[in-house]
Amino acid sequence: MTISIRLTDEEEERLDSLARRTGRSKSFYVKTALHEYLTDLEDAFAADAAIDAFQAEGRRSRPLSELEAETDR
């Protein structure tokens, strides 16, 4: 699949420079950045869903210090 994006002049120069210095393609870095961003975003949405499910069960979170005090840490 082909996607077009508009970069600022600064972003384009940074990407060009990185590609030249490393011998990798600009596409490689764009795909890598997108992959990392999507992974982080999916993780964040999964965490939100887990918190919502936790709270929907009527459970509450507690500070770590409280849990440590209970286990004599």
C-alpha atoms as a PDB file:
ATOM      1  CA  MET A   1       0.000   0.000   0.000  1.00  0.00           C
ATOM      2  CA  THR A   2       1.267   3.433  -0.836  1.00  0.00           C
ATOM      3  CA  ILE A   3       0.571   6.429   1.382  1.00  0.00           C
ATOM      4  CA  SER A   4       1.476  10.049   0.777  1.00  0.00           C
ATOM      5  CA  ILE A   5       2.345  12.350   3.656  1.00  0.00           C
ATOM      6  CA  ARG A   6       3.434  15.951   3.787  1.00  0.00           C
ATOM      7  CA  LEU A   7       6.551  16.693   5.789  1.00  0.00           C
ATOM      8  CA  THR A   8       7.829  20.038   6.884  1.00  0.00           C
ATOM      9  CA  ASP A   9      11.102  21.116   5.334  1.00  0.00           C
ATOM     10  CA  GLU A  10      12.834  20.370   8.632  1.00  0.00           C
ATOM     11  CA  GLU A  11      11.333  16.871   8.882  1.00  0.00           C
ATOM     12  CA  GLU A  12      12.310  16.113   5.297  1.00  0.00           C
ATOM     13  CA  GLU A  13      15.882  17.283   5.855  1.00  0.00           C
ATOM     14  CA  ARG A  14      16.199  15.267   9.061  1.00  0.00           C
ATOM     15  CA  LEU A  15      14.855  12.156   7.336  1.00  0.00           C
ATOM     16  CA  ASP A  16      17.114  12.648   4.309  1.00  0.00           C
ATOM     17  CA  SER A  17      20.124  13.200   6.540  1.00  0.00           C
ATOM     18  CA  LEU A  18      19.432  10.110   8.622  1.00  0.00           C
ATOM     19  CA  ALA A  19      18.937   7.969   5.534  1.00  0.00           C
ATOM     20  CA  ARG A  20      22.204   9.196   3.996  1.00  0.00           C
ATOM     21  CA  ARG A  21      24.198   8.692   7.197  1.00  0.00           C
ATOM     22  CA  THR A  22      22.927   5.178   7.797  1.00  0.00           C
ATOM     23  CA  GLY A  23      22.520   3.872   4.273  1.00  0.00           C
ATOM     24  CA  ARG A  24      18.890   2.996   4.995  1.00  0.00           C
ATOM     25  CA  SER A  25      15.953   4.187   2.948  1.00  0.00           C
ATOM     26  CA  LYS A  26      13.612   6.943   4.047  1.00  0.00           C
ATOM     27  CA  SER A  27      10.792   4.421   3.720  1.00  0.00           C
ATOM     28  CA  PHE A  28      12.541   2.170   6.225  1.00  0.00           C
ATOM     29  CA  TYR A  29      12.519   4.923   8.849  1.00  0.00           C
ATOM     30  CA  VAL A  30       8.945   5.992   8.134  1.00  0.00           C
ATOM     31  CA  LYS A  31       7.727   2.379   8.401  1.00  0.00           C
ATOM     32  CA  THR A  32       9.762   1.818  11.580  1.00  0.00           C
ATOM     33  CA  ALA A  33       8.406   4.992  13.179  1.00  0.00           C
ATOM     34  CA  LEU A  34       4.835   4.100  12.222  1.00  0.00           C
ATOM     35  CA  HIS A  35       5.223   0.574  13.570  1.00  0.00           C
ATOM     36  CA  GLU A  36       6.553   1.842  16.909  1.00  0.00           C
ATOM     37  CA  TYR A  37       3.841   4.497  17.185  1.00  0.00           C
ATOM     38  CA  LEU A  38       1.040   2.051  16.387  1.00  0.00           C
ATOM     39  CA  THR A  39       2.404  -0.460  18.896  1.00  0.00           C
ATOM     40  CA  ASP A  40       2.508   2.205  21.616  1.00  0.00           C
ATOM     41  CA  LEU A  41      -0.984   3.419  20.734  1.00  0.00           C
ATOM     42  CA  GLU A  42      -2.405  -0.122  20.751  1.00  0.00           C
ATOM     43  CA  ASP A  43      -0.792  -0.723  24.146  1.00  0.00           C
ATOM     44  CA  ALA A  44      -2.321   2.482  25.506  1.00  0.00           C
ATOM     45  CA  PHE A  45      -5.799   1.540  24.274  1.00  0.00           C
ATOM     46  CA  ALA A  46      -5.416  -1.969  25.730  1.00  0.00           C
ATOM     47  CA  ALA A  47      -4.388  -0.478  29.074  1.00  0.00           C
ATOM     48  CA  ASP A  48      -7.402   1.857  29.029  1.00  0.00           C
ATOM     49  CA  ALA A  49      -9.706  -1.086  28.307  1.00  0.00           C
ATOM     50  CA  ALA A  50      -8.152  -3.096  31.131  1.00  0.00           C
ATOM     51  CA  ILE A  51      -8.608  -0.208  33.568  1.00  0.00           C
ATOM     52  CA  ASP A  52     -12.222   0.252  32.458  1.00  0.00           C
ATOM     53  CA  ALA A  53     -12.913  -3.474  32.959  1.00  0.00           C
ATOM     54  CA  PHE A  54     -11.184  -3.409  36.356  1.00  0.00           C
ATOM     55  CA  GLN A  55     -13.301  -0.459  37.495  1.00  0.00           C
ATOM     56  CA  ALA A  56     -16.508  -1.916  35.996  1.00  0.00           C
ATOM     57  CA  GLU A  57     -16.053  -4.872  38.345  1.00  0.00           C
ATOM     58  CA  GLY A  58     -16.198  -2.426  41.251  1.00  0.00           C
ATOM     59  CA  ARG A  59     -12.522  -2.815  42.043  1.00  0.00           C
ATOM     60  CA  ARG A  60     -10.328   0.090  43.005  1.00  0.00           C
ATOM     61  CA  SER A  61      -6.664   0.738  42.550  1.00  0.00           C
ATOM     62  CA  ARG A  62      -4.341   1.518  45.418  1.00  0.00           C
ATOM     63  CA  PRO A  63      -1.004   3.277  45.688  1.00  0.00           C
ATOM     64  CA  LEU A  64       2.072   1.064  45.539  1.00  0.00           C
ATOM     65  CA  SER A  65       3.134   2.290  48.988  1.00  0.00           C
ATOM     66  CA  GLU A  66      -0.086   0.863  50.459  1.00  0.00           C
ATOM     67  CA  LEU A  67       0.496  -2.531  48.882  1.00  0.00           C
ATOM     68  CA  GLU A  68       4.123  -2.548  50.031  1.00  0.00           C
ATOM     69  CA  ALA A  69       3.019  -1.762  53.599  1.00  0.00           C
ATOM     70  CA  GLU A  70       0.695  -4.779  53.511  1.00  0.00           C
ATOM     71  CA  THR A  71       3.542  -7.071  52.499  1.00  0.00           C
ATOM     72  CA  ASP A  72       6.070  -5.582  54.958  1.00  0.00           C
ATOM     73  CA  ARG A  73       8.418  -4.362  52.241  1.00  0.00           C
END
